[in-house]
């Protein structure tokens, strides 16, 4: 089931719980089917890479792993606070996301 998430790619978020609690980062990818997001520098996992072609090197890399979207909260660009997101309909009929603290359009 596809759901619409409150977080979009490029948003700045803060992690609310888990081992990376209070870390801030930019959303790199959103996965609506799994209700997950990938945040830059958060939930790092170690991955072992095997060389596939001749001359290619293998090794150990660290990369971000998806976390549940409910564990992150959007940070407002104007007031800088973690905030819930509201929705507002403009006169043109367009629906926009709005900061609950300062009422600024996101």
N, C-alpha and C. Protein backbone atom coordinates (compact mmCIF):
# COMPACT_ATOMS: atom_id res chain seq x y z
N UNK A 1 0.84 -1.18 0.00
CA UNK A 1 0.00 0.00 0.00
C UNK A 1 0.89 1.25 0.00
N UNK A 2 0.70 2.10 -0.99
CA UNK A 2 1.45 3.35 -1.05
C UNK A 2 0.80 4.39 -0.17
N UNK A 3 1.62 5.02 0.67
CA UNK A 3 1.14 6.08 1.55
C UNK A 3 1.88 7.35 1.25
N UNK A 4 1.26 8.47 1.53
CA UNK A 4 1.92 9.74 1.39
C UNK A 4 2.59 10.04 2.73
N UNK A 5 3.89 10.37 2.68
CA UNK A 5 4.64 10.62 3.90
C UNK A 5 4.77 12.11 4.16
N UNK A 6 5.01 12.47 5.41
CA UNK A 6 5.17 13.87 5.79
C UNK A 6 6.57 14.40 5.45
N UNK A 7 7.47 13.51 5.09
CA UNK A 7 8.85 13.88 4.78
C UNK A 7 9.08 13.72 3.27
N UNK A 8 9.82 14.65 2.69
CA UNK A 8 10.16 14.56 1.28
C UNK A 8 11.67 14.60 1.11
N UNK A 9 12.13 14.17 -0.06
CA UNK A 9 13.56 14.18 -0.38
C UNK A 9 14.09 15.61 -0.30
N UNK A 10 15.24 15.77 0.36
CA UNK A 10 15.85 17.09 0.49
C UNK A 10 15.51 17.81 1.79
N UNK A 11 14.52 17.31 2.56
CA UNK A 11 14.17 17.93 3.84
C UNK A 11 15.29 17.71 4.85
N UNK A 12 15.43 18.64 5.79
CA UNK A 12 16.34 18.47 6.92
C UNK A 12 15.52 17.92 8.08
N UNK A 13 15.99 16.84 8.68
CA UNK A 13 15.23 16.17 9.74
C UNK A 13 16.12 15.90 10.95
N UNK A 14 15.47 15.62 12.08
CA UNK A 14 16.15 15.19 13.29
C UNK A 14 15.58 13.82 13.67
N UNK A 15 16.45 12.91 14.15
CA UNK A 15 16.02 11.57 14.53
C UNK A 15 15.48 11.62 15.96
N UNK A 16 14.30 11.04 16.18
CA UNK A 16 13.63 11.11 17.48
C UNK A 16 14.00 9.98 18.43
N UNK A 17 14.35 8.80 17.89
CA UNK A 17 14.63 7.67 18.77
C UNK A 17 15.63 6.72 18.13
N UNK A 18 16.17 5.83 18.93
CA UNK A 18 17.12 4.85 18.44
C UNK A 18 18.55 5.24 18.76
N UNK A 19 19.49 4.50 18.18
CA UNK A 19 20.91 4.73 18.47
C UNK A 19 21.41 6.07 17.95
N UNK A 20 20.74 6.64 16.95
CA UNK A 20 21.14 7.92 16.36
C UNK A 20 20.25 9.07 16.82
N UNK A 21 19.67 8.96 18.01
CA UNK A 21 18.76 9.98 18.52
C UNK A 21 19.44 11.35 18.54
N UNK A 22 18.69 12.39 18.16
CA UNK A 22 19.11 13.80 18.12
C UNK A 22 20.08 14.13 17.00
N UNK A 23 20.40 13.19 16.11
CA UNK A 23 21.25 13.50 14.96
C UNK A 23 20.41 14.19 13.89
N UNK A 24 21.02 15.15 13.21
CA UNK A 24 20.34 15.87 12.14
C UNK A 24 20.97 15.49 10.81
N UNK A 25 20.16 15.51 9.77
CA UNK A 25 20.68 15.22 8.44
C UNK A 25 19.66 15.50 7.37
N UNK A 26 20.13 15.43 6.14
CA UNK A 26 19.28 15.68 4.98
C UNK A 26 18.74 14.35 4.46
N UNK A 27 17.47 14.35 4.05
CA UNK A 27 16.85 13.13 3.53
C UNK A 27 17.37 12.88 2.12
N UNK A 28 17.99 11.71 1.91
CA UNK A 28 18.54 11.35 0.62
C UNK A 28 17.53 10.64 -0.25
N UNK A 29 16.67 9.84 0.37
CA UNK A 29 15.71 9.03 -0.38
C UNK A 29 14.49 8.74 0.49
N UNK A 30 13.33 8.65 -0.14
CA UNK A 30 12.09 8.32 0.56
C UNK A 30 11.53 7.06 -0.08
N UNK A 31 11.12 6.09 0.77
CA UNK A 31 10.57 4.83 0.29
C UNK A 31 9.14 4.70 0.82
N UNK A 32 8.13 5.22 0.09
CA UNK A 32 6.76 5.22 0.59
C UNK A 32 6.18 3.83 0.84
N UNK A 33 6.57 2.85 0.03
CA UNK A 33 6.02 1.49 0.21
C UNK A 33 6.36 0.91 1.58
N UNK A 34 7.56 1.19 2.05
CA UNK A 34 8.02 0.68 3.35
C UNK A 34 7.87 1.72 4.45
N UNK A 35 7.37 2.91 4.10
CA UNK A 35 7.25 4.03 5.04
C UNK A 35 8.60 4.33 5.70
N UNK A 36 9.64 4.38 4.88
CA UNK A 36 11.00 4.56 5.36
C UNK A 36 11.67 5.72 4.65
N UNK A 37 12.73 6.23 5.29
CA UNK A 37 13.56 7.28 4.70
C UNK A 37 15.02 6.93 4.92
N UNK A 38 15.87 7.44 4.03
CA UNK A 38 17.31 7.30 4.19
C UNK A 38 17.85 8.69 4.46
N UNK A 39 18.50 8.85 5.63
CA UNK A 39 18.99 10.16 6.07
C UNK A 39 20.52 10.15 6.04
N UNK A 40 21.08 11.24 5.53
CA UNK A 40 22.53 11.38 5.39
C UNK A 40 23.23 11.31 6.75
N UNK A 41 24.16 10.35 6.90
CA UNK A 41 24.95 10.22 8.12
C UNK A 41 24.26 9.55 9.28
N UNK A 42 23.07 9.00 9.07
CA UNK A 42 22.30 8.37 10.14
C UNK A 42 22.10 6.89 9.81
N UNK A 43 22.15 6.05 10.83
CA UNK A 43 21.93 4.61 10.70
C UNK A 43 22.91 3.99 9.70
N UNK A 44 24.19 4.16 9.99
CA UNK A 44 25.24 3.65 9.11
C UNK A 44 25.42 2.14 9.31
N UNK A 45 25.61 1.44 8.19
CA UNK A 45 25.84 0.00 8.22
C UNK A 45 27.13 -0.30 7.48
N UNK A 46 27.79 -1.39 7.86
CA UNK A 46 29.01 -1.82 7.22
C UNK A 46 28.66 -2.83 6.14
N UNK A 47 29.18 -2.59 4.94
CA UNK A 47 28.89 -3.50 3.82
C UNK A 47 30.22 -3.97 3.23
N UNK A 48 30.32 -5.27 3.01
CA UNK A 48 31.52 -5.86 2.43
C UNK A 48 31.32 -5.99 0.93
N UNK A 49 32.23 -5.42 0.15
CA UNK A 49 32.12 -5.43 -1.30
C UNK A 49 33.18 -6.36 -1.87
N UNK A 50 32.73 -7.27 -2.72
CA UNK A 50 33.62 -8.20 -3.38
C UNK A 50 33.97 -7.66 -4.76
N UNK A 51 35.22 -7.75 -5.17
CA UNK A 51 35.56 -7.27 -6.51
C UNK A 51 34.86 -8.12 -7.57
N UNK A 52 34.20 -7.48 -8.52
CA UNK A 52 33.43 -8.20 -9.55
C UNK A 52 34.19 -8.35 -10.86
N UNK A 53 35.02 -7.37 -11.20
CA UNK A 53 35.78 -7.42 -12.45
C UNK A 53 37.28 -7.42 -12.14
N UNK A 54 38.04 -7.80 -13.13
CA UNK A 54 39.49 -7.79 -12.97
C UNK A 54 39.96 -6.34 -12.83
N UNK A 55 40.78 -6.08 -11.84
CA UNK A 55 41.28 -4.74 -11.60
C UNK A 55 40.44 -3.95 -10.62
N UNK A 56 39.23 -4.41 -10.33
CA UNK A 56 38.36 -3.73 -9.36
C UNK A 56 38.76 -4.18 -7.96
N UNK A 57 38.71 -3.25 -7.02
CA UNK A 57 39.10 -3.59 -5.66
C UNK A 57 37.85 -3.80 -4.80
N UNK A 58 37.96 -4.72 -3.88
CA UNK A 58 36.90 -4.95 -2.92
C UNK A 58 37.21 -4.16 -1.66
N UNK A 59 36.41 -4.36 -0.64
CA UNK A 59 36.68 -3.67 0.61
C UNK A 59 35.44 -3.54 1.46
N UNK A 60 35.57 -2.75 2.49
CA UNK A 60 34.48 -2.51 3.43
C UNK A 60 34.05 -1.06 3.29
N UNK A 61 32.76 -0.84 3.04
CA UNK A 61 32.24 0.52 2.95
C UNK A 61 31.16 0.72 4.00
N UNK A 62 30.93 1.97 4.34
CA UNK A 62 29.87 2.32 5.28
C UNK A 62 28.81 3.10 4.51
N UNK A 63 27.55 2.68 4.64
CA UNK A 63 26.49 3.37 3.93
C UNK A 63 25.24 3.48 4.80
N UNK A 64 24.38 4.44 4.45
CA UNK A 64 23.16 4.68 5.22
C UNK A 64 22.13 3.59 4.93
N UNK A 65 21.38 3.24 5.98
CA UNK A 65 20.31 2.26 5.87
C UNK A 65 19.00 2.97 6.18
N UNK A 66 17.92 2.49 5.59
CA UNK A 66 16.61 3.11 5.78
C UNK A 66 16.14 2.98 7.23
N UNK A 67 15.46 4.05 7.71
CA UNK A 67 14.81 4.02 9.02
C UNK A 67 13.36 4.42 8.82
N UNK A 68 12.50 4.08 9.76
CA UNK A 68 11.08 4.40 9.67
C UNK A 68 10.86 5.91 9.65
N UNK A 69 9.96 6.35 8.82
CA UNK A 69 9.67 7.79 8.69
C UNK A 69 9.06 8.35 9.97
N UNK A 70 8.42 7.52 10.77
CA UNK A 70 7.81 7.99 12.01
C UNK A 70 8.86 8.32 13.07
N UNK A 71 10.11 7.92 12.86
CA UNK A 71 11.19 8.19 13.82
C UNK A 71 11.94 9.48 13.52
N UNK A 72 11.51 10.22 12.48
CA UNK A 72 12.16 11.48 12.17
C UNK A 72 11.14 12.62 12.18
N UNK A 73 11.63 13.83 12.48
CA UNK A 73 10.78 15.01 12.49
C UNK A 73 11.43 16.11 11.67
N UNK A 74 10.62 16.79 10.89
CA UNK A 74 11.09 17.86 10.01
C UNK A 74 11.61 19.04 10.82
N UNK A 75 12.70 19.68 10.35
CA UNK A 75 13.22 20.90 10.97
C UNK A 75 12.87 22.06 10.06
N UNK A 76 12.20 23.06 10.63
CA UNK A 76 11.77 24.24 9.86
C UNK A 76 12.98 25.06 9.45
N UNK A 77 12.98 25.55 8.21
CA UNK A 77 14.08 26.35 7.71
C UNK A 77 14.11 27.75 8.29
N UNK A 78 12.95 28.28 8.68
CA UNK A 78 12.89 29.64 9.20
C UNK A 78 13.18 29.69 10.70
N UNK A 79 12.40 28.92 11.49
CA UNK A 79 12.57 29.01 12.95
C UNK A 79 13.61 28.02 13.48
N UNK A 80 14.01 27.02 12.69
CA UNK A 80 15.07 26.09 13.09
C UNK A 80 14.66 25.06 14.12
N UNK A 81 13.35 24.96 14.40
CA UNK A 81 12.86 24.01 15.40
C UNK A 81 12.32 22.75 14.73
N UNK A 82 12.44 21.60 15.43
CA UNK A 82 11.75 20.41 14.94
C UNK A 82 10.25 20.67 15.06
N UNK A 83 9.53 20.38 14.00
CA UNK A 83 8.11 20.72 13.98
C UNK A 83 7.28 19.69 13.25
N UNK A 84 6.03 19.62 13.63
CA UNK A 84 5.08 18.83 12.88
C UNK A 84 4.69 19.64 11.64
N UNK A 85 4.17 18.95 10.65
CA UNK A 85 3.84 19.61 9.40
C UNK A 85 2.32 19.65 9.24
N UNK A 86 1.82 20.86 8.95
CA UNK A 86 0.41 21.02 8.65
C UNK A 86 0.25 21.22 7.15
N UNK A 87 -0.98 21.17 6.69
CA UNK A 87 -1.26 21.41 5.27
C UNK A 87 -2.22 22.58 5.17
N UNK A 88 -2.03 23.39 4.13
CA UNK A 88 -2.86 24.57 3.94
C UNK A 88 -3.19 24.70 2.46
N UNK A 89 -4.42 25.11 2.17
CA UNK A 89 -4.84 25.31 0.79
C UNK A 89 -4.74 26.80 0.47
N UNK A 90 -4.00 27.13 -0.60
CA UNK A 90 -3.86 28.52 -1.03
C UNK A 90 -5.06 28.92 -1.89
N UNK A 91 -5.17 30.23 -2.21
CA UNK A 91 -6.28 30.71 -3.04
C UNK A 91 -6.28 30.06 -4.41
N UNK A 92 -5.07 29.70 -4.89
CA UNK A 92 -4.96 29.07 -6.21
C UNK A 92 -5.40 27.61 -6.20
N UNK A 93 -5.70 27.07 -5.00
CA UNK A 93 -6.13 25.68 -4.89
C UNK A 93 -4.98 24.72 -4.62
N UNK A 94 -3.76 25.26 -4.56
CA UNK A 94 -2.58 24.43 -4.31
C UNK A 94 -2.48 24.11 -2.83
N UNK A 95 -2.14 22.85 -2.52
CA UNK A 95 -1.95 22.43 -1.13
C UNK A 95 -0.46 22.50 -0.81
N UNK A 96 -0.11 23.22 0.26
CA UNK A 96 1.29 23.39 0.65
C UNK A 96 1.50 22.88 2.07
N UNK A 97 2.76 22.53 2.38
CA UNK A 97 3.12 22.12 3.73
C UNK A 97 3.48 23.36 4.54
N UNK A 98 3.07 23.37 5.82
CA UNK A 98 3.24 24.56 6.67
C UNK A 98 3.83 24.14 8.01
N UNK A 99 4.76 24.96 8.54
CA UNK A 99 5.33 24.74 9.87
C UNK A 99 4.27 25.05 10.93
N UNK A 100 4.12 24.18 11.92
CA UNK A 100 3.12 24.39 12.98
C UNK A 100 3.56 25.48 13.97
N UNK A 101 4.88 25.77 14.07
CA UNK A 101 5.35 26.78 15.00
C UNK A 101 5.20 28.20 14.47
N UNK A 102 5.76 28.42 13.25
CA UNK A 102 5.82 29.79 12.73
C UNK A 102 4.89 30.03 11.55
N UNK A 103 4.14 29.02 11.13
CA UNK A 103 3.19 29.10 10.00
C UNK A 103 3.86 29.45 8.67
N UNK A 104 5.14 29.18 8.55
CA UNK A 104 5.88 29.44 7.31
C UNK A 104 5.66 28.28 6.33
N UNK A 105 5.53 28.60 5.05
CA UNK A 105 5.36 27.58 4.02
C UNK A 105 6.70 26.88 3.83
N UNK A 106 6.65 25.55 3.82
CA UNK A 106 7.86 24.73 3.67
C UNK A 106 8.08 24.44 2.21
